[in-house]
Protein backbone atom coordinates (compact mmCIF):
# COMPACT_ATOMS: atom_id res chain seq x y z
CA UNK A 1 142.89 198.30 108.85
CA UNK A 2 139.62 197.89 106.63
CA UNK A 3 136.05 195.64 106.58
CA UNK A 4 133.42 195.91 104.11
CA UNK A 5 130.15 194.97 106.56
CA UNK A 6 128.58 197.02 109.32
CA UNK A 7 128.75 193.67 111.95
CA UNK A 8 132.66 194.09 111.42
CA UNK A 9 133.23 197.71 112.52
CA UNK A 10 133.30 196.96 116.44
CA UNK A 11 135.81 193.94 115.43
CA UNK A 12 137.88 196.48 113.83
CA UNK A 13 137.78 198.96 116.73
CA UNK A 14 138.56 196.05 118.82
CA UNK A 15 141.49 195.31 116.65
CA UNK A 16 142.39 198.69 115.85
CA UNK A 17 143.14 199.47 119.76
CA UNK A 18 144.90 196.27 120.57
CA UNK A 19 147.55 197.20 117.94
CA UNK A 20 148.14 200.46 120.03
CA UNK A 21 146.72 202.98 117.53
CA UNK A 22 143.95 203.86 118.92
CA UNK A 23 144.69 206.77 120.98
CA UNK A 24 142.84 209.67 123.08
CA UNK A 25 143.27 212.25 120.24
CA UNK A 26 141.68 209.61 117.76
CA UNK A 27 138.29 210.99 115.70
CA UNK A 28 136.47 208.89 114.31
CA UNK A 29 134.32 210.14 111.27
CA UNK A 30 131.58 208.64 109.14
CA UNK A 31 129.16 209.58 106.18
CA UNK A 32 126.35 208.40 104.35
CA UNK A 33 125.77 209.08 100.95
CA UNK A 34 121.74 208.70 99.70
CA UNK A 35 121.05 207.71 96.32
CA UNK A 36 124.65 206.54 95.09
CA UNK A 37 123.11 204.92 92.36
CA UNK A 38 122.19 208.12 90.70
CA UNK A 39 125.74 209.64 91.43
CA UNK A 40 127.84 209.36 88.44
CA UNK A 41 127.70 210.03 84.98
CA UNK A 42 127.08 207.46 82.62
CA UNK A 43 130.83 208.45 80.93
CA UNK A 44 132.33 208.24 84.47
CA UNK A 45 130.88 204.45 84.97
CA UNK A 46 131.89 202.85 81.19
CA UNK A 47 135.58 204.60 82.16
CA UNK A 48 136.32 202.67 85.13
CA UNK A 49 134.12 199.59 83.60
CA UNK A 50 136.90 199.69 80.69
CA UNK A 51 139.60 200.15 83.38
CA UNK A 52 138.33 197.76 85.64
CA UNK A 53 137.52 195.35 82.95
CA UNK A 54 141.14 195.92 81.31
CA UNK A 55 142.75 195.48 84.52
CA UNK A 56 141.30 192.44 85.73
CA UNK A 57 140.34 190.41 82.81
CA UNK A 58 143.51 189.03 80.97
CA UNK A 59 141.87 186.99 78.65
CA UNK A 60 139.90 190.22 77.20
CA UNK A 61 137.04 188.28 77.25
CA UNK A 62 134.32 186.45 79.83
CA UNK A 63 132.22 183.76 78.47
CA UNK A 64 133.39 184.15 75.06
CA UNK A 65 132.16 188.01 75.33
CA UNK A 66 134.82 190.43 74.44
CA UNK A 67 135.58 193.71 77.14
CA UNK A 68 133.93 195.82 73.62
CA UNK A 69 130.71 194.00 73.74
CA UNK A 70 130.34 194.01 77.04
CA UNK A 71 131.16 197.71 77.43
CA UNK A 72 128.87 198.16 74.42
CA UNK A 73 125.97 196.61 76.05
CA UNK A 74 126.49 198.15 79.38
CA UNK A 75 126.80 201.06 77.64
CA UNK A 76 123.14 200.61 75.78
CA UNK A 77 121.46 199.50 78.65
CA UNK A 78 122.71 203.15 80.62
CA UNK A 79 121.46 205.06 77.62
CA UNK A 80 117.97 203.68 77.59
CA UNK A 81 116.96 204.28 80.68
CA UNK A 82 113.77 205.77 81.55
CA UNK A 83 111.30 206.66 84.55
CA UNK A 84 108.26 207.98 84.71
CA UNK A 85 107.15 211.17 87.00
CA UNK A 86 103.73 213.20 87.03
CA UNK A 87 102.50 211.39 83.82
CA UNK A 88 105.60 212.12 81.69
CA UNK A 89 108.29 210.27 80.86
CA UNK A 90 112.17 211.41 81.45
CA UNK A 91 115.33 209.84 80.35
CA UNK A 92 117.69 209.04 82.82
CA UNK A 93 121.57 210.78 82.32
CA UNK A 94 123.01 210.22 85.13
CA UNK A 95 123.34 206.60 87.08
CA UNK A 96 121.16 203.86 87.48
CA UNK A 97 117.69 202.63 88.85
CA UNK A 98 118.87 201.42 91.80
CA UNK A 99 116.33 198.06 91.50
CA UNK A 100 119.52 196.62 88.95
CA UNK A 101 122.02 194.15 90.01
CA UNK A 102 123.85 195.61 87.21
CA UNK A 103 123.72 199.15 89.37
CA UNK A 104 125.36 197.75 92.54
CA UNK A 105 128.34 196.06 90.59
CA UNK A 106 128.92 199.71 88.41
CA UNK A 107 128.59 201.61 92.18
CA UNK A 108 131.45 199.13 93.52
CA UNK A 109 133.63 199.59 90.44
CA UNK A 110 133.38 203.24 90.59
CA UNK A 111 133.62 203.57 94.21
CA UNK A 112 136.96 201.10 94.08
CA UNK A 113 138.79 203.42 92.20
CA UNK A 114 137.86 206.73 93.44
CA UNK A 115 138.62 205.44 96.85
CA UNK A 116 141.97 203.91 96.19
CA UNK A 117 143.94 207.35 97.23
CA UNK A 118 141.91 207.54 100.41
CA UNK A 119 142.43 204.11 101.36
CA UNK A 120 146.41 204.64 100.33
CA UNK A 121 146.46 207.58 102.79
CA UNK A 122 144.28 205.92 105.71
CA UNK A 123 146.27 202.48 105.56
CA UNK A 124 150.02 204.38 105.71
CA UNK A 125 148.29 206.36 108.64
CA UNK A 126 147.13 203.01 110.22
CA UNK A 127 143.74 204.38 110.12
CA UNK A 128 140.43 202.84 110.23
CA UNK A 129 138.42 202.34 106.77
CA UNK A 130 135.40 201.05 106.75
CA UNK A 131 132.27 201.26 103.55
CA UNK A 132 129.05 199.43 103.73
CA UNK A 133 126.71 199.65 100.72
CA UNK A 134 122.71 199.28 101.63
CA UNK A 135 120.75 198.98 98.52
CA UNK A 136 121.19 202.71 97.24
CA UNK A 137 122.81 204.32 100.04
CA UNK A 138 126.70 204.25 101.10
CA UNK A 139 128.09 204.29 104.36
CA UNK A 140 132.00 205.24 105.17
CA UNK A 141 133.60 204.78 108.70
CA UNK A 142 137.02 206.24 109.05
CA UNK A 143 139.50 207.39 111.83
CA UNK A 144 141.75 210.58 111.75
CA UNK A 145 144.21 211.53 114.01
CA UNK A 146 145.53 214.57 112.14
CA UNK A 147 144.25 217.86 112.08
CA UNK A 148 145.20 217.98 108.23
CA UNK A 149 142.32 218.54 105.42
CA UNK A 150 143.48 215.80 103.19
CA UNK A 151 141.82 213.11 104.01
CA UNK A 152 138.95 215.42 104.41
CA UNK A 153 139.92 216.98 100.59
CA UNK A 154 139.83 213.44 99.51
CA UNK A 155 136.66 212.59 101.06
CA UNK A 156 134.87 215.61 99.29
CA UNK A 157 136.25 214.12 95.91
CA UNK A 158 134.57 210.79 96.04
CA UNK A 159 131.58 211.84 94.52
């Protein structure tokens, strides 16, 4: 079972319980990632975007713009970000500015591919999985019925 909005967590746990999956040994885990917008390298971001576009854009273009052009534009955007800190100008070499709507899209695409192993494992074990993103923070909520470190290992590989 999955959910993507915090408000749906209660409904998901209720449904989880009604289906008989909630046990006395069920553990619930949450984790929070601060500043998710600065986690991924530009290379990782472009690779994920390339994979996504090639997988989900069958015509290989969107409104007349080819995938290659889209990737070039996003690469240009990522490589030409600067910020001011203590009266000095720095180039951002990882992630993207949190105020950009494009940043949210790129984070979601990155996480879509990075969390697939975790989601598949949890789904096969009939566990709960929830992900909620607020501005540049990411929150996860999962249930675990095993003492195995497999799931914890997968969580650590997300970032």
